[in-house]
């Protein structure tokens, strides 16, 4: 497929995705995506996003816990 932003070609890759669900931030590894070879824009199929939501709403193994700072730029 072609990237909607730069017109570059996309290729299938496994990526790490930041995913918000019910006010919580998760990092999900090995997510299938189409990634633009020119600008890096990522595209996810709706079925993949639905599977992530279902996985996170059920009991799931946690690989690691991270601490993140939240700051305001303005």
N, C-alpha and C. Protein backbone atom coordinates (compact mmCIF):
# COMPACT_ATOMS: atom_id res chain seq x y z
N UNK A 1 0.84 -1.18 0.00
CA UNK A 1 0.00 0.00 0.00
C UNK A 1 0.88 1.24 0.00
N UNK A 2 0.30 2.37 -0.35
CA UNK A 2 1.04 3.63 -0.36
C UNK A 2 0.69 4.45 0.87
N UNK A 3 1.69 5.14 1.41
CA UNK A 3 1.51 6.00 2.58
C UNK A 3 0.62 7.18 2.23
N UNK A 4 -0.33 7.48 3.12
CA UNK A 4 -1.24 8.61 2.90
C UNK A 4 -0.54 9.95 3.08
N UNK A 5 0.60 9.97 3.77
CA UNK A 5 1.27 11.23 4.07
C UNK A 5 2.32 11.60 3.03
N UNK A 6 3.18 10.64 2.66
CA UNK A 6 4.27 10.99 1.75
C UNK A 6 4.22 10.23 0.43
N UNK A 7 3.31 9.25 0.31
CA UNK A 7 3.21 8.49 -0.93
C UNK A 7 4.19 7.34 -1.04
N UNK A 8 5.03 7.16 -0.01
CA UNK A 8 6.00 6.07 -0.02
C UNK A 8 5.33 4.70 0.06
N UNK A 9 6.11 3.68 -0.16
CA UNK A 9 5.61 2.30 -0.11
C UNK A 9 5.69 1.78 1.32
N UNK A 10 4.71 0.97 1.74
CA UNK A 10 4.75 0.37 3.07
C UNK A 10 5.16 -1.09 2.96
N UNK A 11 5.73 -1.58 4.06
CA UNK A 11 6.12 -2.99 4.15
C UNK A 11 5.63 -3.53 5.49
N UNK A 12 5.29 -4.83 5.54
CA UNK A 12 4.85 -5.40 6.81
C UNK A 12 6.03 -5.53 7.78
N UNK A 13 5.79 -5.15 9.03
CA UNK A 13 6.82 -5.25 10.07
C UNK A 13 6.14 -5.54 11.40
N UNK A 14 6.94 -6.04 12.34
CA UNK A 14 6.50 -6.18 13.73
C UNK A 14 7.08 -5.00 14.49
N UNK A 15 6.23 -4.25 15.22
CA UNK A 15 6.66 -3.03 15.89
C UNK A 15 6.22 -3.04 17.36
N UNK A 16 6.76 -2.08 18.11
CA UNK A 16 6.30 -1.83 19.47
C UNK A 16 5.29 -0.68 19.39
N UNK A 17 4.08 -0.92 19.90
CA UNK A 17 3.01 0.07 19.80
C UNK A 17 2.63 0.61 21.17
N UNK A 18 2.51 1.94 21.26
CA UNK A 18 1.94 2.56 22.45
C UNK A 18 0.43 2.48 22.29
N UNK A 19 -0.24 1.96 23.30
CA UNK A 19 -1.68 1.71 23.18
C UNK A 19 -2.38 2.16 24.45
N UNK A 20 -3.33 3.08 24.32
CA UNK A 20 -4.13 3.55 25.45
C UNK A 20 -5.41 2.75 25.51
N UNK A 21 -5.78 2.32 26.72
CA UNK A 21 -7.04 1.61 26.93
C UNK A 21 -7.53 1.92 28.33
N UNK A 22 -8.73 2.43 28.43
CA UNK A 22 -9.36 2.76 29.72
C UNK A 22 -8.46 3.65 30.58
N UNK A 23 -7.83 4.64 29.95
CA UNK A 23 -7.01 5.60 30.67
C UNK A 23 -5.64 5.09 31.08
N UNK A 24 -5.26 3.91 30.63
CA UNK A 24 -3.95 3.35 30.95
C UNK A 24 -3.12 3.21 29.68
N UNK A 25 -1.83 3.46 29.81
CA UNK A 25 -0.92 3.34 28.67
C UNK A 25 -0.19 2.00 28.74
N UNK A 26 -0.18 1.29 27.63
CA UNK A 26 0.53 0.02 27.50
C UNK A 26 1.53 0.12 26.35
N UNK A 27 2.64 -0.60 26.47
CA UNK A 27 3.55 -0.81 25.35
C UNK A 27 3.38 -2.26 24.95
N UNK A 28 2.97 -2.47 23.71
CA UNK A 28 2.71 -3.82 23.22
C UNK A 28 3.75 -4.14 22.16
N UNK A 29 4.50 -5.21 22.36
CA UNK A 29 5.57 -5.58 21.43
C UNK A 29 5.07 -6.59 20.40
N UNK A 30 5.78 -6.66 19.29
CA UNK A 30 5.52 -7.62 18.21
C UNK A 30 4.14 -7.45 17.57
N UNK A 31 3.74 -6.20 17.37
CA UNK A 31 2.45 -5.90 16.75
C UNK A 31 2.63 -5.81 15.24
N UNK A 32 1.76 -6.46 14.49
CA UNK A 32 1.81 -6.43 13.03
C UNK A 32 1.35 -5.06 12.54
N UNK A 33 2.15 -4.45 11.66
CA UNK A 33 1.82 -3.14 11.10
C UNK A 33 2.37 -3.05 9.69
N UNK A 34 1.83 -2.12 8.94
CA UNK A 34 2.40 -1.71 7.65
C UNK A 34 3.16 -0.42 7.95
N UNK A 35 4.46 -0.38 7.63
CA UNK A 35 5.30 0.77 7.96
C UNK A 35 5.85 1.37 6.67
N UNK A 36 5.71 2.69 6.55
CA UNK A 36 6.21 3.38 5.37
C UNK A 36 7.73 3.38 5.37
N UNK A 37 8.33 3.01 4.24
CA UNK A 37 9.78 2.96 4.13
C UNK A 37 10.39 4.36 4.00
N UNK A 38 9.58 5.36 3.68
CA UNK A 38 10.08 6.72 3.51
C UNK A 38 9.99 7.54 4.80
N UNK A 39 8.80 7.60 5.41
CA UNK A 39 8.60 8.49 6.56
C UNK A 39 8.37 7.74 7.88
N UNK A 40 8.15 6.42 7.82
CA UNK A 40 7.97 5.65 9.04
C UNK A 40 6.55 5.60 9.58
N UNK A 41 5.61 6.23 8.89
CA UNK A 41 4.21 6.19 9.34
C UNK A 41 3.75 4.74 9.44
N UNK A 42 2.95 4.44 10.49
CA UNK A 42 2.49 3.07 10.72
C UNK A 42 0.98 2.96 10.49
N UNK A 43 0.59 1.83 9.94
CA UNK A 43 -0.82 1.53 9.70
C UNK A 43 -1.14 0.18 10.34
N UNK A 44 -2.24 0.14 11.10
CA UNK A 44 -2.65 -1.08 11.80
C UNK A 44 -4.02 -1.50 11.29
N UNK A 45 -4.21 -2.79 11.06
CA UNK A 45 -5.51 -3.31 10.68
C UNK A 45 -6.43 -3.27 11.90
N UNK A 46 -7.70 -2.98 11.69
CA UNK A 46 -8.67 -2.90 12.79
C UNK A 46 -8.72 -4.20 13.58
N UNK A 47 -8.56 -5.32 12.91
CA UNK A 47 -8.61 -6.60 13.63
C UNK A 47 -7.44 -6.74 14.60
N UNK A 48 -6.27 -6.20 14.24
CA UNK A 48 -5.10 -6.24 15.13
C UNK A 48 -5.39 -5.38 16.36
N UNK A 49 -5.95 -4.19 16.16
CA UNK A 49 -6.27 -3.31 17.29
C UNK A 49 -7.32 -3.93 18.20
N UNK A 50 -8.31 -4.60 17.61
CA UNK A 50 -9.33 -5.29 18.41
C UNK A 50 -8.71 -6.42 19.23
N UNK A 51 -7.76 -7.14 18.64
CA UNK A 51 -7.08 -8.23 19.36
C UNK A 51 -6.25 -7.69 20.52
N UNK A 52 -5.63 -6.53 20.34
CA UNK A 52 -4.86 -5.92 21.42
C UNK A 52 -5.80 -5.55 22.57
N UNK A 53 -6.92 -4.89 22.25
CA UNK A 53 -7.90 -4.53 23.29
C UNK A 53 -8.36 -5.76 24.06
N UNK A 54 -8.70 -6.82 23.34
CA UNK A 54 -9.18 -8.05 24.00
C UNK A 54 -8.10 -8.66 24.88
N UNK A 55 -6.86 -8.67 24.41
CA UNK A 55 -5.76 -9.22 25.20
C UNK A 55 -5.57 -8.43 26.48
N UNK A 56 -5.60 -7.09 26.39
CA UNK A 56 -5.35 -6.25 27.56
C UNK A 56 -6.51 -6.29 28.56
N UNK A 57 -7.72 -6.54 28.09
CA UNK A 57 -8.87 -6.61 28.99
C UNK A 57 -8.93 -7.93 29.74
N UNK A 58 -8.25 -8.95 29.23
CA UNK A 58 -8.21 -10.26 29.87
C UNK A 58 -6.93 -10.36 30.71
N UNK A 59 -6.80 -11.42 31.46
CA UNK A 59 -5.55 -11.68 32.17
C UNK A 59 -4.45 -11.86 31.14
N UNK A 60 -3.33 -11.17 31.34
CA UNK A 60 -2.24 -11.26 30.38
C UNK A 60 -0.91 -11.17 31.11
N UNK A 61 0.11 -11.82 30.58
CA UNK A 61 1.43 -11.73 31.21
C UNK A 61 2.02 -10.33 31.03
N UNK A 62 2.73 -9.87 32.04
CA UNK A 62 3.39 -8.57 31.98
C UNK A 62 4.88 -8.80 31.93
N UNK A 63 5.52 -8.33 30.88
CA UNK A 63 6.96 -8.52 30.68
C UNK A 63 7.77 -7.60 31.59
N UNK A 64 7.29 -6.34 31.77
CA UNK A 64 8.07 -5.36 32.51
C UNK A 64 7.16 -4.20 32.91
N UNK A 65 7.46 -3.56 34.03
CA UNK A 65 6.79 -2.32 34.44
C UNK A 65 7.78 -1.17 34.28
N UNK A 66 7.31 -0.06 33.70
CA UNK A 66 8.17 1.10 33.49
C UNK A 66 7.58 2.31 34.21
N UNK A 67 8.43 3.25 34.59
CA UNK A 67 7.99 4.52 35.16
C UNK A 67 8.17 5.59 34.10
N UNK A 68 7.16 6.46 33.92
CA UNK A 68 7.21 7.47 32.87
C UNK A 68 6.91 8.84 33.47
N UNK A 69 7.72 9.83 33.14
CA UNK A 69 7.45 11.21 33.57
C UNK A 69 6.49 11.86 32.60
N UNK A 70 5.56 12.65 33.12
CA UNK A 70 4.64 13.43 32.30
C UNK A 70 4.95 14.90 32.55
N UNK A 71 5.26 15.63 31.49
CA UNK A 71 5.62 17.03 31.61
C UNK A 71 4.79 17.86 30.64
N UNK A 72 4.65 19.17 30.93
CA UNK A 72 3.92 20.06 30.04
C UNK A 72 4.92 20.94 29.30
N UNK A 73 4.78 21.01 28.00
CA UNK A 73 5.68 21.79 27.16
C UNK A 73 5.38 23.28 27.25
N UNK A 74 4.11 23.62 27.44
CA UNK A 74 3.71 25.05 27.47
C UNK A 74 3.77 25.62 28.86
